[in-house]
Amino acid sequence: MEFPDEEWAEVSPEAREVVSLMLQKNPNRRPSACNLLTHPWIKQRVGSPEVHSLSKATLTRLKSFKVGGKMRQAALQLITSQFIETSKVAEIREVFLELDADKDGRLSRAELAAGLALHKLGSQEIVDHIMEMCDADNSGTIEFTEFLMGALSWEQVDQKTLEAAFGAFDLDKDGRISAKELKFMLEDEEEVAEDHIWDDLLREGDTDKDGTVPPI
């Protein structure tokens, strides 16, 4: 495997070896997460006080995360991408960067499995669950915004943040969210959906059945 100097100049040979092992295409040659934990580079990092340890609390939240319906997913993505405090994002980013062994900005299934195994938090079922819940675009990897959505402690998201997210959808500022507003905010220019899709999506949050989503 090649490691261009521009991106990998400061990465040690031992770390590159771990990445190469994790990215083996042949599953018979690819080590398991448990075997990776015995590699000297990983063992050294676990024992080093200078290296940020993975947050068990963050990974535990990932284990229990359930995205719910598509409307909830859209709301969560908006909140995490625009309205969460910088300090909370920075803390979770540290965990993400620890997991992202090849530093490509995405977590592969192997990287996620290795990180969970390191803290004895992961089984194959848990890895599958996290991938299913967090991989919103079905790319086969988890990007940081997707990771953030699953790793946040939603109990700590304040009312002001929720109201700001609601206001972003409420384009005409009438205190309700319509199917038309959902369509404007969420529709992909390259993949136009039929109107009934937005009506179906709206029903997930339409608690009083009046054709709009009420305020928080």
Protein backbone atom coordinates (compact mmCIF):
# COMPACT_ATOMS: atom_id res chain seq x y z
CA MET A 1 0.00 0.00 0.00
CA GLU A 2 1.32 3.46 -0.90
CA PHE A 3 1.41 6.33 1.59
CA PRO A 4 1.90 9.72 -0.14
CA ASP A 5 4.33 11.92 1.80
CA GLU A 6 2.03 14.92 1.65
CA GLU A 7 -0.58 13.22 3.85
CA TRP A 8 1.53 10.66 5.69
CA ALA A 9 4.87 12.39 6.33
CA GLU A 10 4.28 12.59 10.10
CA VAL A 11 2.79 9.10 10.47
CA SER A 12 5.16 6.48 11.86
CA PRO A 13 6.05 3.26 9.97
CA GLU A 14 4.37 1.26 12.75
CA ALA A 15 1.10 3.17 12.30
CA ARG A 16 1.26 2.69 8.54
CA GLU A 17 1.69 -1.02 9.10
CA VAL A 18 -1.49 -1.14 11.19
CA VAL A 19 -3.42 0.71 8.48
CA SER A 20 -2.09 -1.66 5.81
CA LEU A 21 -3.21 -4.66 7.85
CA MET A 22 -6.69 -3.23 8.39
CA LEU A 23 -7.15 -2.46 4.69
CA GLN A 24 -6.20 -5.89 3.38
CA LYS A 25 -8.75 -6.76 0.68
CA ASN A 26 -8.28 -10.48 1.22
CA PRO A 27 -10.27 -11.36 4.37
CA ASN A 28 -8.02 -14.37 4.98
CA ARG A 29 -5.04 -12.06 5.34
CA ARG A 30 -6.85 -9.31 7.23
CA PRO A 31 -6.39 -9.60 11.02
CA SER A 32 -9.35 -9.60 13.37
CA ALA A 33 -9.94 -6.71 15.75
CA CYS A 34 -8.67 -8.84 18.63
CA ASN A 35 -5.46 -9.64 16.76
CA LEU A 36 -4.92 -5.98 15.96
CA LEU A 37 -4.96 -5.19 19.66
CA THR A 38 -1.76 -7.17 20.06
CA HIS A 39 0.14 -5.03 17.56
CA PRO A 40 2.98 -3.08 19.28
CA TRP A 41 1.79 0.28 17.94
CA ILE A 42 -1.69 -0.10 19.43
CA LYS A 43 -0.38 -1.49 22.71
CA GLN A 44 2.01 1.44 23.02
CA ARG A 45 -0.74 3.98 22.36
CA VAL A 46 -3.05 2.41 24.92
CA GLY A 47 -0.35 2.72 27.55
CA SER A 48 0.81 6.22 26.64
CA PRO A 49 -0.50 9.10 28.80
CA GLU A 50 0.31 11.54 25.98
CA VAL A 51 -2.28 10.11 23.62
CA HIS A 52 -6.00 10.82 23.98
CA SER A 53 -7.83 7.68 24.98
CA LEU A 54 -11.10 6.84 23.26
CA SER A 55 -14.10 8.02 25.22
CA LYS A 56 -16.08 5.05 26.46
CA ALA A 57 -19.07 7.31 27.10
CA THR A 58 -19.10 8.44 23.46
CA LEU A 59 -18.80 4.91 22.12
CA THR A 60 -21.49 3.71 24.51
CA ARG A 61 -23.86 6.36 23.13
CA LEU A 62 -23.12 5.09 19.63
CA LYS A 63 -24.10 1.59 20.72
CA SER A 64 -27.55 2.72 21.83
CA PHE A 65 -28.22 5.27 19.09
CA LYS A 66 -31.37 4.79 17.02
CA VAL A 67 -32.04 7.30 14.29
CA GLY A 68 -35.79 6.73 14.02
CA GLY A 69 -37.78 8.06 11.07
CA LYS A 70 -36.43 10.08 8.16
CA MET A 71 -37.75 13.34 9.51
CA ARG A 72 -36.01 12.83 12.84
CA GLN A 73 -32.84 11.92 10.96
CA ALA A 74 -33.04 15.15 8.95
CA ALA A 75 -33.58 17.19 12.10
CA LEU A 76 -30.66 15.52 13.89
CA GLN A 77 -28.36 16.11 10.94
CA LEU A 78 -29.32 19.78 10.82
CA ILE A 79 -28.77 20.24 14.54
CA THR A 80 -25.38 18.51 14.53
CA SER A 81 -24.15 20.35 11.45
CA GLN A 82 -25.19 23.88 12.43
CA PHE A 83 -26.33 24.37 15.99
CA ILE A 84 -24.18 22.33 18.39
CA GLU A 85 -21.67 24.10 20.63
CA THR A 86 -18.09 24.03 19.39
CA SER A 87 -16.81 22.49 22.62
CA LYS A 88 -19.10 19.48 22.28
CA VAL A 89 -18.11 19.00 18.66
CA ALA A 90 -14.39 19.23 19.49
CA GLU A 91 -14.64 16.56 22.17
CA ILE A 92 -16.35 14.11 19.82
CA ARG A 93 -14.00 14.98 16.98
CA GLU A 94 -11.08 13.79 19.12
CA VAL A 95 -12.75 10.41 19.47
CA PHE A 96 -13.46 10.27 15.75
CA LEU A 97 -9.84 11.08 14.88
CA GLU A 98 -8.63 8.34 17.23
CA LEU A 99 -10.83 5.84 15.42
CA ASP A 100 -9.93 7.10 11.94
CA ALA A 101 -6.69 5.14 11.58
CA ASP A 102 -5.99 6.04 7.93
CA LYS A 103 -6.99 9.70 8.45
CA ASP A 104 -9.23 9.82 5.40
CA GLY A 105 -12.10 11.53 7.23
CA ARG A 106 -14.32 8.45 7.19
CA LEU A 107 -14.68 5.47 9.51
CA SER A 108 -14.65 2.09 7.88
CA ARG A 109 -16.26 -0.96 9.44
CA ALA A 110 -12.78 -2.26 10.34
CA GLU A 111 -11.76 0.98 12.04
CA LEU A 112 -14.99 1.09 14.04
CA ALA A 113 -14.59 -2.55 15.07
CA ALA A 114 -10.99 -1.99 16.19
CA GLY A 115 -11.95 1.04 18.30
CA LEU A 116 -14.81 -0.74 20.02
CA ALA A 117 -12.70 -3.84 20.63
CA LEU A 118 -10.02 -1.69 22.22
CA HIS A 119 -12.45 -0.81 25.01
CA LYS A 120 -14.16 -4.20 25.05
CA LEU A 121 -17.39 -2.58 23.88
CA GLY A 122 -17.92 -4.23 20.56
CA SER A 123 -19.35 -7.36 19.04
CA GLN A 124 -20.07 -7.83 15.36
CA GLU A 125 -23.75 -7.17 16.08
CA ILE A 126 -22.94 -3.82 17.70
CA VAL A 127 -20.68 -2.80 14.81
CA ASP A 128 -23.47 -3.70 12.37
CA HIS A 129 -25.98 -1.69 14.41
CA ILE A 130 -23.80 1.44 14.49
CA MET A 131 -23.09 1.23 10.77
CA GLU A 132 -26.79 0.86 10.01
CA MET A 133 -27.84 3.76 12.25
CA CYS A 134 -25.05 6.24 11.48
CA ASP A 135 -24.29 5.64 7.79
CA ALA A 136 -27.07 7.96 6.62
CA ASP A 137 -25.99 8.08 2.98
CA ASN A 138 -25.33 4.32 2.74
CA SER A 139 -21.75 4.90 1.62
CA GLY A 140 -20.35 2.00 3.62
CA THR A 141 -18.41 4.40 5.85
CA ILE A 142 -19.28 6.89 8.60
CA GLU A 143 -18.37 10.53 8.01
CA PHE A 144 -17.83 12.91 10.91
CA THR A 145 -21.26 14.57 10.71
CA GLU A 146 -22.86 11.11 10.78
CA PHE A 147 -20.65 10.06 13.71
CA LEU A 148 -21.51 13.27 15.56
CA MET A 149 -25.21 12.58 15.16
CA GLY A 150 -24.87 9.23 16.92
CA ALA A 151 -22.25 10.21 19.51
CA LEU A 152 -23.92 13.29 20.99
CA SER A 153 -25.62 13.19 24.34
CA TRP A 154 -29.00 14.48 23.18
CA GLU A 155 -30.13 15.10 26.74
CA GLN A 156 -27.59 17.94 26.82
CA VAL A 157 -29.00 19.70 23.74
CA ASP A 158 -30.70 22.82 25.10
CA GLN A 159 -34.05 24.31 24.15
CA LYS A 160 -32.42 27.22 22.34
CA THR A 161 -30.63 24.83 19.98
CA LEU A 162 -33.82 22.90 19.26
CA GLU A 163 -35.73 26.10 18.57
CA ALA A 164 -33.00 27.29 16.19
CA ALA A 165 -33.21 24.03 14.26
CA PHE A 166 -37.01 24.28 14.08
CA GLY A 167 -36.70 27.86 12.85
CA ALA A 168 -34.38 26.78 10.05
CA PHE A 169 -37.14 24.55 8.65
CA ASP A 170 -39.92 27.09 9.34
CA LEU A 171 -39.13 29.29 6.33
CA ASP A 172 -42.25 31.49 6.47
CA LYS A 173 -41.95 31.87 10.27
CA ASP A 174 -45.57 30.94 10.93
CA GLY A 175 -44.61 28.58 13.76
CA ARG A 176 -45.36 25.42 11.73
CA ILE A 177 -43.40 23.29 9.26
CA SER A 178 -45.20 22.32 6.06
CA ALA A 179 -44.44 19.64 3.46
CA LYS A 180 -43.42 22.43 1.07
CA GLU A 181 -40.83 23.71 3.57
CA LEU A 182 -39.50 20.21 4.13
CA LYS A 183 -39.13 19.76 0.39
CA PHE A 184 -37.26 23.06 0.02
CA MET A 185 -34.86 22.22 2.86
CA LEU A 186 -34.19 18.58 2.14
CA GLU A 187 -34.71 17.83 -1.55
CA ASP A 188 -31.63 16.79 -3.49
CA GLU A 189 -31.31 18.70 -6.77
CA GLU A 190 -30.01 15.58 -8.47
CA GLU A 191 -32.72 13.30 -7.08
CA VAL A 192 -36.10 15.02 -7.10
CA ALA A 193 -38.75 13.22 -5.02
CA GLU A 194 -42.48 13.12 -5.71
CA ASP A 195 -44.72 15.32 -3.56
CA HIS A 196 -46.27 12.39 -1.70
CA ILE A 197 -42.81 11.54 -0.29
CA TRP A 198 -42.76 14.84 1.58
CA ASP A 199 -46.33 14.33 2.81
CA ASP A 200 -45.33 10.92 4.17
CA LEU A 201 -42.26 12.42 5.81
CA LEU A 202 -44.31 15.18 7.41
CA ARG A 203 -46.69 12.70 9.02
CA GLU A 204 -43.85 11.46 11.27
CA GLY A 205 -43.92 14.75 13.17
CA ASP A 206 -47.52 15.81 12.58
CA THR A 207 -48.81 14.99 16.04
CA ASP A 208 -52.10 16.90 15.75
CA LYS A 209 -52.80 15.74 12.17
CA ASP A 210 -53.30 19.19 10.66
CA GLY A 211 -50.79 18.78 7.82
CA THR A 212 -47.92 20.63 9.53
CA VAL A 213 -45.36 19.97 12.25
CA PRO A 214 -46.12 21.93 15.44
CA PRO A 215 -43.50 23.95 17.34
CA ILE A 216 -41.26 22.34 19.93
